[in-house]
Amino acid sequence: MEIQAEDVGALLGRTKVLISVEDVNDNRPEVTITSLFSPVLENTLPGTVIAFLNVHDRDTGKNGQVVCYTRDNLPFQLEKSIDNYYRLVTWKYLDREKISMYNITVAASDLGTPSLSTEIHIALQVADINDNPPIFPHTSYSAYIPENNPRGASIFSVTAHDPDSGSNAEITYSLTKGSIMAAPLSSYVSINSDTGVLYALHSFDYEQIQDLQLLVTASDNGDPQLSSNVSLSLFILDQNDNAPKILYPMLPTDGSTGVELAPRSAEPGYLVTKVVAVDRDSGQNAWLSYRLLKASEPGLFTVGLHTGEVCTARALLDRDALKQSLVVVVRDHGQPPLSATVTLTVAVADTIPDVLADLGSIRTLTNSDDSDLTLYLVVAVAVVSCIFLAFVIMLLAFRLWRWHKSRLLQASSGRLAGLPASGFVGIEGVQTFLQTYSHEVSLTSDSRRSHMIFPQPNYADMLINQDSCEKNDGLLTSIDFHECRDEAASVQKRSYMYTNFKQANRNEIGGTPNNLWLHHRDTRGMGSGAGKSGWAER
């Protein structure tokens, strides 16, 4: 600026004034992210550029000088590039499994007084790579399976963890190849490739397989694929599924009976024999105990509870039978307990020839008793057969008799149907000459049996018509028809006698009778129904 001064006398004077404006630190630094690379792989090498920054401060001098830096202890640092540009780089390896995202704070401060600063935040994602194999919680596993398990049953489960993400963390389970008893391992046990659950493909038998050693592999789906193994021991638990087996005494294969010898001079506690048995099971299931279940002579022998030794409990007496039979039971201690029995034959004799002789006599006596018993049985069967045959013959004869009666009934019905009806005439002078025969026939509609009652004859002043014996029902039995036919014949005979007597009387009196009347009575009974009568006079 130029300044001029003039006085009254017209004198002039000029000068220049220079005004200088001093800067005051009144502007904060400005930080601009020109480029950012996110996400960044976790295997990125140190020194890799993550972002470029531009820093500007409108102040001048020290007020315009800016310093950039990052806060916290992060694996990143700022490096000055050119002019006011900075770059953000890594200074060590990243690990996504520890920190998957970083929130980076970049601060810019000027050198003015008072100093002004600015902060920006950069979010940085760390990308995963397949750098971790699956991990099992334990280095080895053990499982216990009872034998006789059902097929397809779940027996165990293993689980592995992969700290990676995405497909790198997808795990597939498998069993390493192996063989058991010349059979592939996969025929005994299988594993679910997704869940790690193991299944039994066979029902295990402890007596054949006591344990299985498996190696389980867990593999991820990353590239490259990583895997890890863990050992699994499967122990088969014994169940009480085998009964004790008697080893001694063994039954002879030729069908004979083994005999143990006990001398008559044996003292109490004399060892006669010993029962030996084994159990294929193990542990408590194989503990055996021996007991005397049955004896032909109670109190004569004892059996050791754990040894199976058969000893005499007392001295042998003369009254003791030569042949003693013992039944010994062997029982294990499983749940439920299983048992086996053996029958011992003990011969009481001093020497073997005595045994043979005595046993021969016993066998002969037994055979004779058996023969007598067989004879009795044969006789009894024959008697019963004869009785049954006689009953069958009587039954057939009765049926034949019934059939014959029915045939006679049909024949009698045919003959009675052709008989002519005849009337009887009564005269007062000779009424006492005739007898009246009354009969009552009882018939039922639901039975084939009927009866006819003939009371004592009495004299009356009426004659019975022969029509009373003619039945049209067909319900009378053959006996009733025979009786009726006999009565009709008797009536016809009396009618003939009466006719002759009447003729003689007519010749004697020389004329017809004064009172000639006919009394006809016809009675029929069906069940309990009433009869029917008809009267006629002439």
Protein backbone atom coordinates (compact mmCIF):
# COMPACT_ATOMS: atom_id res chain seq x y z
CA MET A 1 0.00 0.00 0.00
CA GLU A 2 1.33 3.58 -0.90
CA ILE A 3 0.58 6.59 1.32
CA GLN A 4 1.01 10.32 0.18
CA ALA A 5 1.19 13.35 2.55
CA GLU A 6 0.87 17.08 1.30
CA ASP A 7 1.37 20.31 3.33
CA VAL A 8 -0.04 23.78 2.87
CA GLY A 9 2.94 24.91 0.95
CA ALA A 10 2.17 22.31 -1.63
CA LEU A 11 4.93 20.04 -0.67
CA LEU A 12 4.27 16.36 -1.10
CA GLY A 13 5.69 13.26 0.50
CA ARG A 14 4.96 9.59 -0.34
CA THR A 15 5.73 6.25 1.37
CA LYS A 16 4.83 2.55 1.00
CA VAL A 17 3.22 0.53 3.81
CA LEU A 18 3.50 -3.30 3.72
CA ILE A 19 0.88 -5.20 5.84
CA SER A 20 1.68 -8.81 6.60
CA VAL A 21 -1.18 -11.21 7.78
CA GLU A 22 0.05 -13.86 10.14
CA ASP A 23 -1.60 -17.33 10.02
CA VAL A 24 -3.50 -18.62 13.00
CA ASN A 25 -4.01 -22.40 13.41
CA ASP A 26 -7.69 -22.43 12.91
CA ASN A 27 -8.12 -25.37 10.46
CA ARG A 28 -8.05 -29.07 11.23
CA PRO A 29 -6.22 -31.50 8.98
CA GLU A 30 -8.30 -33.31 6.39
CA VAL A 31 -7.73 -37.09 5.75
CA THR A 32 -9.14 -38.71 2.62
CA ILE A 33 -9.04 -42.49 1.82
CA THR A 34 -8.13 -42.68 -1.80
CA SER A 35 -8.18 -46.54 -1.99
CA LEU A 36 -8.93 -49.53 0.32
CA PHE A 37 -8.36 -53.28 -0.18
CA SER A 38 -10.88 -55.22 1.93
CA PRO A 39 -11.19 -58.06 2.74
CA VAL A 40 -7.64 -59.09 3.05
CA LEU A 41 -6.48 -62.70 3.25
CA GLU A 42 -5.15 -63.86 6.56
CA ASN A 43 -2.02 -65.24 4.93
CA THR A 44 -1.08 -61.79 3.56
CA LEU A 45 2.64 -61.11 3.87
CA PRO A 46 3.90 -58.27 6.06
CA GLY A 47 4.27 -54.97 4.16
CA THR A 48 1.19 -55.50 2.02
CA VAL A 49 -0.61 -52.23 1.24
CA ILE A 50 -4.09 -52.13 2.68
CA ALA A 51 -5.11 -48.48 1.87
CA PHE A 52 -3.85 -45.13 0.47
CA LEU A 53 -4.55 -41.86 2.34
CA ASN A 54 -4.28 -38.16 1.41
CA VAL A 55 -3.71 -35.58 4.19
CA HIS A 56 -4.25 -31.77 3.76
CA ASP A 57 -4.22 -28.79 6.16
CA ARG A 58 -5.20 -25.34 4.89
CA ASP A 59 -3.07 -23.59 7.47
CA THR A 60 0.48 -22.62 6.70
CA GLY A 61 3.77 -23.05 8.33
CA LYS A 62 3.74 -25.22 11.27
CA ASN A 63 0.01 -24.91 11.40
CA GLY A 64 -0.12 -26.68 8.06
CA GLN A 65 2.35 -29.42 8.86
CA VAL A 66 0.46 -32.68 9.55
CA VAL A 67 1.57 -35.87 11.24
CA CYS A 68 -0.45 -39.16 10.65
CA TYR A 69 -0.39 -42.25 12.84
CA THR A 70 -2.59 -45.20 13.94
CA ARG A 71 -3.88 -45.80 17.43
CA ASP A 72 -3.81 -49.04 19.45
CA ASN A 73 -1.44 -51.92 18.94
CA LEU A 74 -2.55 -53.22 15.60
CA PRO A 75 -0.60 -55.15 12.96
CA PHE A 76 -0.80 -52.11 10.65
CA GLN A 77 1.30 -49.00 10.16
CA LEU A 78 1.27 -45.79 8.07
CA GLU A 79 4.09 -44.99 5.72
CA LYS A 80 4.59 -41.58 4.00
CA SER A 81 4.54 -41.90 0.27
CA ILE A 82 4.92 -38.64 -1.74
CA ASP A 83 3.82 -35.11 -0.86
CA ASN A 84 0.79 -35.45 1.37
CA TYR A 85 0.06 -39.14 0.59
CA TYR A 86 0.31 -42.01 3.05
CA ARG A 87 -0.13 -45.77 2.70
CA LEU A 88 -1.45 -48.24 5.29
CA VAL A 89 0.50 -51.51 5.30
CA THR A 90 0.67 -54.68 7.44
CA TRP A 91 3.70 -55.23 9.51
CA LYS A 92 3.00 -58.84 10.67
CA TYR A 93 0.85 -61.87 9.73
CA LEU A 94 -2.87 -61.79 10.31
CA ASP A 95 -4.92 -64.63 11.86
CA ARG A 96 -8.65 -64.74 11.09
CA GLU A 97 -9.25 -67.38 13.76
CA LYS A 98 -8.16 -64.80 16.33
CA ILE A 99 -9.47 -61.55 14.83
CA SER A 100 -11.76 -61.68 11.82
CA MET A 101 -12.31 -57.91 11.51
CA TYR A 102 -10.20 -54.89 12.40
CA ASN A 103 -11.45 -51.39 13.14
CA ILE A 104 -8.43 -49.21 12.30
CA THR A 105 -8.28 -45.59 13.60
CA VAL A 106 -6.03 -43.18 11.68
CA ALA A 107 -5.27 -39.82 13.35
CA ALA A 108 -3.81 -36.69 11.67
CA SER A 109 -2.45 -33.76 13.80
CA ASP A 110 -0.86 -30.44 12.75
CA LEU A 111 2.02 -28.77 14.46
CA GLY A 112 0.22 -25.50 15.25
CA THR A 113 -0.43 -24.03 18.64
CA PRO A 114 -2.75 -25.32 19.87
CA SER A 115 -2.47 -28.44 17.77
CA LEU A 116 -5.54 -29.59 15.90
CA SER A 117 -6.21 -33.22 14.87
CA THR A 118 -8.64 -35.37 12.92
CA GLU A 119 -9.52 -39.14 13.17
CA ILE A 120 -11.00 -41.56 10.66
CA HIS A 121 -12.00 -45.25 11.08
CA ILE A 122 -11.32 -47.99 8.60
CA ALA A 123 -13.19 -51.38 8.89
CA LEU A 124 -11.05 -54.17 7.53
CA GLN A 125 -12.35 -57.76 7.00
CA VAL A 126 -9.90 -60.64 7.17
CA ALA A 127 -10.66 -63.46 4.67
CA ASP A 128 -10.30 -67.11 5.76
CA ILE A 129 -8.00 -69.65 4.23
CA ASN A 130 -7.96 -73.39 5.02
CA ASP A 131 -5.08 -73.29 7.40
CA ASN A 132 -6.56 -75.34 10.28
CA PRO A 133 -7.37 -79.08 10.25
CA PRO A 134 -10.36 -80.46 12.21
CA ILE A 135 -9.64 -80.89 15.90
CA PHE A 136 -11.03 -83.58 18.24
CA PRO A 137 -11.60 -82.61 21.87
CA HIS A 138 -9.70 -85.70 23.05
CA THR A 139 -6.76 -87.58 21.72
CA SER A 140 -8.48 -90.97 22.17
CA TYR A 141 -11.90 -92.39 23.06
CA SER A 142 -13.18 -95.53 24.77
CA ALA A 143 -16.64 -97.05 24.57
CA TYR A 144 -18.26 -100.11 26.19
CA ILE A 145 -20.87 -102.19 24.39
CA PRO A 146 -22.77 -105.15 25.89
CA GLU A 147 -22.68 -108.24 23.74
CA ASN A 148 -25.73 -109.48 21.87
CA ASN A 149 -26.50 -105.88 20.93
CA PRO A 150 -29.17 -105.36 18.24
CA ARG A 151 -27.99 -104.77 14.72
CA GLY A 152 -27.97 -101.16 13.60
CA ALA A 153 -27.82 -99.83 17.16
CA SER A 154 -25.95 -96.59 17.83
CA ILE A 155 -22.86 -97.39 19.91
CA PHE A 156 -20.85 -94.13 20.05
CA SER A 157 -20.45 -90.65 18.61
CA VAL A 158 -17.40 -88.52 17.88
CA THR A 159 -17.32 -84.81 17.06
CA ALA A 160 -14.55 -82.68 15.64
CA HIS A 161 -14.29 -78.88 15.36
CA ASP A 162 -12.69 -76.81 12.60
CA PRO A 163 -11.92 -73.17 13.48
CA ASP A 164 -12.03 -72.16 9.84
CA SER A 165 -15.20 -70.84 8.24
CA GLY A 166 -17.37 -71.67 5.26
CA SER A 167 -16.52 -74.77 3.31
CA ASN A 168 -13.21 -74.93 5.11
CA ALA A 169 -15.12 -75.84 8.27
CA GLU A 170 -17.35 -78.57 6.75
CA ILE A 171 -16.23 -81.90 8.24
CA THR A 172 -16.61 -85.43 6.88
CA TYR A 173 -16.07 -88.47 9.12
CA SER A 174 -14.75 -91.83 8.01
CA LEU A 175 -13.13 -94.98 9.34
CA THR A 176 -9.70 -96.06 8.26
CA LYS A 177 -9.53 -99.42 6.54
CA GLY A 178 -8.80 -102.46 8.64
CA SER A 179 -9.80 -106.05 9.23
CA ILE A 180 -11.09 -108.12 12.16
CA MET A 181 -10.88 -111.90 12.07
CA ALA A 182 -10.13 -111.82 8.33
CA ALA A 183 -13.23 -109.68 7.71
CA PRO A 184 -13.15 -106.00 6.74
CA LEU A 185 -13.78 -103.55 9.55
CA SER A 186 -16.56 -101.91 7.59
CA SER A 187 -18.64 -105.10 7.95
CA TYR A 188 -18.74 -104.69 11.74
CA VAL A 189 -18.99 -100.93 12.33
CA SER A 190 -20.11 -97.99 10.20
CA ILE A 191 -20.03 -94.23 10.79
CA ASN A 192 -22.32 -91.45 9.64
CA SER A 193 -20.12 -89.19 7.51
CA ASP A 194 -22.04 -86.05 8.55
CA THR A 195 -22.76 -86.59 12.25
CA GLY A 196 -19.95 -88.90 13.36
CA VAL A 197 -22.36 -91.43 14.93
CA LEU A 198 -21.09 -95.01 14.91
CA TYR A 199 -23.45 -97.96 14.35
CA ALA A 200 -22.97 -101.67 14.95
CA LEU A 201 -23.62 -103.76 11.85
CA HIS A 202 -23.35 -107.07 13.73
CA SER A 203 -24.41 -108.45 17.07
CA PHE A 204 -21.12 -108.83 18.92
CA ASP A 205 -20.22 -111.99 20.81
CA TYR A 206 -17.83 -111.54 23.71
CA GLU A 207 -16.62 -115.11 23.37
CA GLN A 208 -15.35 -114.26 19.86
CA ILE A 209 -14.42 -110.55 20.00
CA GLN A 210 -13.46 -108.77 23.21
CA ASP A 211 -12.47 -105.36 21.78
CA LEU A 212 -12.23 -103.35 18.58
CA GLN A 213 -9.54 -100.77 17.79
CA LEU A 214 -10.77 -98.13 15.37
CA LEU A 215 -9.23 -95.02 13.82
CA VAL A 216 -11.69 -92.24 12.98
CA THR A 217 -10.69 -89.61 10.42
CA ALA A 218 -12.22 -86.13 10.22
CA SER A 219 -11.59 -84.23 6.95
CA ASP A 220 -12.67 -80.73 5.93
CA ASN A 221 -13.72 -79.54 2.48
CA GLY A 222 -11.11 -76.87 2.06
CA ASP A 223 -8.45 -76.57 -0.60
CA PRO A 224 -6.09 -78.10 0.17
CA GLN A 225 -8.04 -80.61 2.27
CA LEU A 226 -6.88 -81.05 5.83
CA SER A 227 -7.69 -83.94 8.19
CA SER A 228 -6.95 -85.39 11.59
CA ASN A 229 -7.36 -88.80 13.23
CA VAL A 230 -8.42 -90.07 16.63
CA SER A 231 -8.27 -93.59 18.07
CA LEU A 232 -11.41 -95.28 19.38
CA SER A 233 -11.39 -98.43 21.50
CA LEU A 234 -14.63 -100.41 21.65
CA PHE A 235 -14.77 -102.92 24.50
CA ILE A 236 -17.39 -105.70 24.37
CA LEU A 237 -19.02 -106.38 27.75
CA ASP A 238 -19.83 -109.96 28.62
CA GLN A 239 -23.41 -111.05 29.20
CA ASN A 240 -24.53 -114.26 30.89
CA ASP A 241 -25.53 -116.03 27.68
CA ASN A 242 -23.69 -119.32 28.14
CA ALA A 243 -24.77 -122.07 30.49
CA PRO A 244 -22.12 -124.08 32.36
CA LYS A 245 -20.73 -127.04 30.43
CA ILE A 246 -20.04 -130.33 32.19
CA LEU A 247 -16.58 -131.68 31.40
CA TYR A 248 -16.59 -134.60 33.84
CA PRO A 249 -18.22 -136.99 34.11
CA MET A 250 -18.84 -137.30 30.39
CA LEU A 251 -21.67 -139.54 29.26
CA PRO A 252 -20.33 -142.52 27.25
CA THR A 253 -21.05 -142.40 23.53
CA ASP A 254 -22.01 -146.10 23.33
CA GLY A 255 -25.23 -145.58 25.29
CA SER A 256 -23.96 -147.11 28.54
CA THR A 257 -24.03 -145.42 31.94
CA GLY A 258 -20.85 -144.40 33.73
CA VAL A 259 -20.54 -145.75 37.27
CA GLU A 260 -18.49 -144.38 40.14
CA LEU A 261 -17.26 -146.79 42.83
CA ALA A 262 -17.68 -146.23 46.56
CA PRO A 263 -16.45 -149.02 48.89
CA ARG A 264 -18.67 -150.01 51.78
CA SER A 265 -15.76 -149.41 54.13
CA ALA A 266 -15.58 -145.73 53.12
CA GLU A 267 -15.42 -143.30 55.98
CA PRO A 268 -17.30 -139.97 56.12
CA GLY A 269 -15.61 -137.49 53.80
CA TYR A 270 -14.43 -140.14 51.35
CA LEU A 271 -13.96 -138.61 47.89
CA VAL A 272 -16.12 -140.57 45.45
CA THR A 273 -15.76 -138.39 42.35
CA LYS A 274 -15.56 -134.78 41.24
CA VAL A 275 -17.81 -132.84 38.91
CA VAL A 276 -15.84 -130.55 36.60
CA ALA A 277 -17.57 -127.77 34.65
CA VAL A 278 -16.58 -124.62 32.80
CA ASP A 279 -18.39 -121.50 31.66
CA ARG A 280 -17.43 -119.65 28.48
CA ASP A 281 -18.50 -116.36 30.02
CA SER A 282 -16.16 -114.22 32.10
CA GLY A 283 -16.11 -112.50 35.46
CA GLN A 284 -19.05 -113.07 37.73
CA ASN A 285 -20.90 -114.84 34.92
CA ALA A 286 -18.28 -117.60 35.02
CA TRP A 287 -18.31 -118.18 38.80
CA LEU A 288 -19.74 -121.66 39.32
CA SER A 289 -21.31 -123.29 42.34
CA TYR A 290 -22.23 -126.96 42.77
CA ARG A 291 -25.24 -128.32 44.64
CA LEU A 292 -26.82 -131.71 45.14
CA LEU A 293 -30.23 -131.43 43.56
CA LYS A 294 -31.58 -134.96 44.07
CA ALA A 295 -30.33 -138.19 45.65
CA SER A 296 -31.82 -141.65 45.94
CA GLU A 297 -30.50 -141.79 49.52
CA PRO A 298 -30.70 -138.31 51.08
CA GLY A 299 -27.94 -137.51 53.53
CA LEU A 300 -25.52 -140.11 52.19
CA PHE A 301 -23.45 -137.84 49.91
CA THR A 302 -22.43 -134.16 49.88
CA VAL A 303 -21.16 -131.94 47.06
CA GLY A 304 -18.55 -129.20 47.52
CA LEU A 305 -20.06 -125.79 46.86
CA HIS A 306 -17.09 -124.45 44.88
CA THR A 307 -15.06 -127.60 44.17
CA GLY A 308 -17.73 -129.98 42.91
CA GLU A 309 -16.25 -132.85 44.93
CA VAL A 310 -18.74 -135.62 45.73
CA CYS A 311 -17.94 -137.09 49.16
CA THR A 312 -19.67 -139.41 51.58
CA ALA A 313 -21.48 -137.64 54.39
CA ARG A 314 -21.61 -140.70 56.65
CA ALA A 315 -20.39 -144.27 56.81
CA LEU A 316 -22.06 -146.71 54.42
CA LEU A 317 -24.45 -149.22 55.98
CA ASP A 318 -25.59 -152.65 54.87
CA ARG A 319 -29.10 -151.38 54.32
CA ASP A 320 -27.86 -148.80 51.81
CA ALA A 321 -28.77 -149.72 48.26
CA LEU A 322 -26.06 -150.94 45.94
CA LYS A 323 -26.92 -148.41 43.26
CA GLN A 324 -27.09 -144.75 44.27
CA SER A 325 -28.27 -142.05 41.86
CA LEU A 326 -27.21 -138.43 42.35
CA VAL A 327 -28.27 -135.36 40.39
CA VAL A 328 -25.81 -132.47 40.68
CA VAL A 329 -26.68 -128.98 39.43
CA VAL A 330 -23.99 -126.48 38.38
CA ARG A 331 -25.12 -122.84 38.42
CA ASP A 332 -23.29 -119.63 37.51
CA HIS A 333 -23.67 -116.23 39.21
CA GLY A 334 -24.89 -114.24 36.23
CA GLN A 335 -28.14 -112.37 35.90
CA PRO A 336 -30.24 -114.32 35.22
CA PRO A 337 -28.32 -117.38 36.46
CA LEU A 338 -27.91 -120.34 34.11
CA SER A 339 -27.40 -123.93 35.16
CA ALA A 340 -26.66 -127.44 33.95
CA THR A 341 -27.28 -130.80 35.59
CA VAL A 342 -25.48 -134.13 35.54
CA THR A 343 -26.63 -137.51 36.83
CA LEU A 344 -24.09 -139.66 38.68
CA THR A 345 -24.45 -143.38 39.36
CA VAL A 346 -22.50 -144.56 42.40
CA ALA A 347 -22.08 -148.29 43.01
CA VAL A 348 -21.54 -149.28 46.63
CA ALA A 349 -19.13 -152.25 46.56
CA ASP A 350 -15.62 -153.12 47.64
CA THR A 351 -14.29 -154.52 44.36
CA ILE A 352 -15.09 -154.21 40.72
CA PRO A 353 -16.17 -157.88 40.27
CA ASP A 354 -18.67 -157.37 43.09
CA VAL A 355 -19.98 -154.36 41.29
CA LEU A 356 -20.46 -156.29 38.06
CA ALA A 357 -22.16 -159.21 39.79
CA ASP A 358 -24.49 -157.04 41.82
CA LEU A 359 -25.34 -154.84 38.88
CA GLY A 360 -26.09 -157.97 36.82
CA SER A 361 -28.55 -159.22 39.44
CA ILE A 362 -30.16 -155.83 39.65
CA ARG A 363 -30.49 -155.72 35.88
CA THR A 364 -32.07 -159.20 35.79
CA LEU A 365 -34.57 -158.29 38.51
CA THR A 366 -35.39 -155.09 36.74
CA ASN A 367 -35.93 -156.94 33.46
CA SER A 368 -38.30 -159.45 35.13
CA ASP A 369 -40.27 -156.66 36.72
CA ASP A 370 -40.47 -154.92 33.40
CA SER A 371 -41.69 -158.13 31.74
CA ASP A 372 -44.47 -158.59 34.34
CA LEU A 373 -45.50 -155.00 33.94
CA THR A 374 -45.60 -155.41 30.16
CA LEU A 375 -47.80 -158.52 30.52
CA TYR A 376 -50.24 -156.67 32.76
CA LEU A 377 -50.43 -153.83 30.33
CA VAL A 378 -51.13 -156.17 27.40
CA VAL A 379 -53.90 -157.97 29.32
CA ALA A 380 -55.47 -154.68 30.34
CA VAL A 381 -55.43 -153.41 26.76
CA ALA A 382 -57.01 -156.67 25.52
CA VAL A 383 -59.82 -156.51 28.10
CA VAL A 384 -60.59 -152.91 27.26
CA SER A 385 -60.63 -153.76 23.55
CA CYS A 386 -63.06 -156.66 24.10
CA ILE A 387 -65.41 -154.50 26.14
CA PHE A 388 -65.35 -151.84 23.47
CA LEU A 389 -66.01 -154.41 20.71
CA ALA A 390 -68.97 -155.87 22.65
CA PHE A 391 -70.39 -152.40 23.10
CA VAL A 392 -70.10 -151.72 19.37
CA ILE A 393 -71.86 -155.04 18.53
CA MET A 394 -74.71 -154.30 20.98
CA LEU A 395 -75.08 -150.84 19.51
CA LEU A 396 -75.28 -152.25 15.99
CA ALA A 397 -77.85 -154.91 17.09
CA PHE A 398 -80.02 -152.27 18.74
CA ARG A 399 -79.91 -150.12 15.64
CA LEU A 400 -80.84 -153.19 13.50
CA TRP A 401 -83.75 -153.98 15.81
CA ARG A 402 -85.03 -150.45 15.56
CA TRP A 403 -84.79 -150.63 11.78
CA HIS A 404 -86.71 -153.96 11.77
CA LYS A 405 -89.48 -152.43 13.93
CA SER A 406 -89.83 -149.53 11.50
CA ARG A 407 -90.22 -151.98 8.60
CA LEU A 408 -92.92 -153.91 10.48
CA LEU A 409 -94.68 -150.62 11.22
CA GLN A 410 -94.84 -149.79 7.52
CA ALA A 411 -96.15 -153.30 6.63
CA SER A 412 -98.81 -153.22 9.37
CA SER A 413 -100.01 -149.79 8.27
CA GLY A 414 -100.59 -151.15 4.76
CA ARG A 415 -102.63 -154.15 5.92
CA LEU A 416 -104.80 -152.16 8.39
CA ALA A 417 -105.66 -149.62 5.75
CA GLY A 418 -107.44 -152.40 3.70
CA LEU A 419 -109.62 -153.82 6.45
CA PRO A 420 -113.40 -153.23 5.91
CA ALA A 421 -115.46 -151.50 8.54
CA SER A 422 -117.99 -153.67 10.31
CA GLY A 423 -120.75 -152.87 12.79
CA PHE A 424 -122.03 -154.79 15.73
CA VAL A 425 -125.67 -155.10 16.68
CA GLY A 426 -126.74 -155.50 20.25
CA ILE A 427 -129.96 -157.24 21.46
CA GLU A 428 -131.45 -156.71 24.90
CA GLY A 429 -131.88 -160.38 25.58
CA VAL A 430 -128.25 -161.22 25.03
CA GLN A 431 -126.55 -158.08 26.27
CA THR A 432 -124.87 -160.03 29.04
CA PHE A 433 -123.29 -162.31 26.45
CA LEU A 434 -120.94 -159.69 25.17
CA GLN A 435 -118.17 -157.83 26.88
CA THR A 436 -117.29 -154.23 26.27
CA TYR A 437 -113.64 -153.59 25.66
CA SER A 438 -112.60 -150.00 26.13
CA HIS A 439 -109.18 -148.77 25.14
CA GLU A 440 -107.38 -145.43 25.41
CA VAL A 441 -104.73 -144.39 23.00
CA SER A 442 -102.33 -141.59 23.99
CA LEU A 443 -100.40 -139.96 21.19
CA THR A 444 -97.97 -137.01 21.21
CA SER A 445 -96.97 -134.90 18.27
CA ASP A 446 -93.30 -134.59 19.35
CA SER A 447 -92.51 -138.26 20.14
CA ARG A 448 -92.46 -141.50 18.27
CA ARG A 449 -93.62 -143.44 21.34
CA SER A 450 -97.30 -143.99 22.33
CA HIS A 451 -99.15 -146.33 24.56
CA MET A 452 -102.56 -148.05 24.67
CA ILE A 453 -104.20 -148.92 27.98
CA PHE A 454 -106.54 -151.93 28.22
CA PRO A 455 -108.42 -152.04 31.53
CA GLN A 456 -110.22 -155.18 32.80
CA PRO A 457 -113.17 -156.16 30.61
CA ASN A 458 -116.68 -155.48 31.93
CA TYR A 459 -120.12 -156.38 30.70
CA ALA A 460 -122.20 -153.64 29.17
CA ASP A 461 -125.24 -153.17 27.02
CA MET A 462 -123.28 -151.87 24.03
CA LEU A 463 -121.00 -153.32 21.38
CA ILE A 464 -117.77 -151.73 20.22
CA ASN A 465 -117.44 -150.93 16.60
CA GLN A 466 -114.30 -152.18 14.92
CA ASP A 467 -113.75 -148.71 13.58
CA SER A 468 -112.30 -147.66 16.95
CA CYS A 469 -109.14 -149.61 16.09
CA GLU A 470 -108.67 -147.97 12.72
CA LYS A 471 -106.16 -145.16 13.01
CA ASN A 472 -105.23 -142.83 10.27
CA ASP A 473 -102.62 -140.84 12.20
CA GLY A 474 -99.51 -142.79 11.42
CA LEU A 475 -98.04 -141.87 14.86
CA LEU A 476 -98.55 -145.23 16.58
CA THR A 477 -95.65 -147.59 16.98
CA SER A 478 -95.56 -151.05 15.54
CA ILE A 479 -96.50 -152.58 18.92
CA ASP A 480 -99.64 -150.41 19.10
CA PHE A 481 -100.62 -151.46 15.61
CA HIS A 482 -100.07 -155.14 16.41
CA GLU A 483 -102.22 -154.86 19.53
CA CYS A 484 -104.93 -153.03 17.62
CA ARG A 485 -104.86 -155.65 14.87
CA ASP A 486 -105.15 -158.47 17.42
CA GLU A 487 -108.06 -156.70 19.09
CA ALA A 488 -109.80 -156.28 15.70
CA ALA A 489 -109.40 -159.98 15.00
CA SER A 490 -110.80 -160.82 18.44
CA VAL A 491 -113.79 -158.52 17.87
CA GLN A 492 -114.43 -160.08 14.45
CA LYS A 493 -114.39 -163.52 16.08
CA ARG A 494 -116.88 -162.38 18.73
CA SER A 495 -118.99 -160.82 16.00
CA TYR A 496 -119.11 -164.13 14.20
CA MET A 497 -120.13 -165.95 17.39
CA TYR A 498 -122.76 -163.33 18.08
CA THR A 499 -124.19 -163.67 14.55
CA ASN A 500 -124.56 -167.42 14.95
CA PHE A 501 -126.13 -166.95 18.37
CA LYS A 502 -128.52 -164.35 16.96
CA GLN A 503 -129.60 -166.66 14.15
CA ALA A 504 -130.27 -169.45 16.58
CA ASN A 505 -132.21 -167.14 18.83
CA ARG A 506 -134.23 -165.82 15.91
CA ASN A 507 -135.19 -169.30 14.92
CA GLU A 508 -136.14 -169.98 18.49
CA ILE A 509 -138.34 -166.93 19.05
CA GLY A 510 -139.61 -166.89 15.47
CA GLY A 511 -139.35 -163.25 14.65
CA THR A 512 -137.18 -160.16 14.64
CA PRO A 513 -136.12 -158.64 17.84
CA ASN A 514 -138.13 -155.88 19.36
CA ASN A 515 -135.32 -153.61 20.13
CA LEU A 516 -132.43 -153.71 17.69
CA TRP A 517 -129.95 -150.87 18.20
CA LEU A 518 -126.46 -150.08 17.15
CA HIS A 519 -124.02 -148.29 19.48
CA HIS A 520 -120.97 -146.98 17.73
CA ARG A 521 -118.24 -145.18 19.58
CA ASP A 522 -115.19 -143.81 17.94
CA THR A 523 -112.57 -142.13 20.07
CA ARG A 524 -109.34 -140.61 18.87
CA GLY A 525 -106.71 -138.89 21.01
CA MET A 526 -103.95 -136.64 19.66
CA GLY A 527 -101.57 -135.47 22.43
CA SER A 528 -103.81 -134.22 25.20
CA GLY A 529 -106.79 -133.38 22.96
CA ALA A 530 -110.35 -134.47 23.62
CA GLY A 531 -111.97 -137.43 21.94
CA LYS A 532 -114.88 -137.44 19.53
CA SER A 533 -117.93 -139.78 19.75
CA GLY A 534 -120.75 -140.62 17.40
CA TRP A 535 -124.06 -142.36 18.32
CA ALA A 536 -126.55 -143.97 16.03
CA GLU A 537 -129.74 -145.98 16.80
CA ARG A 538 -131.81 -148.03 14.52
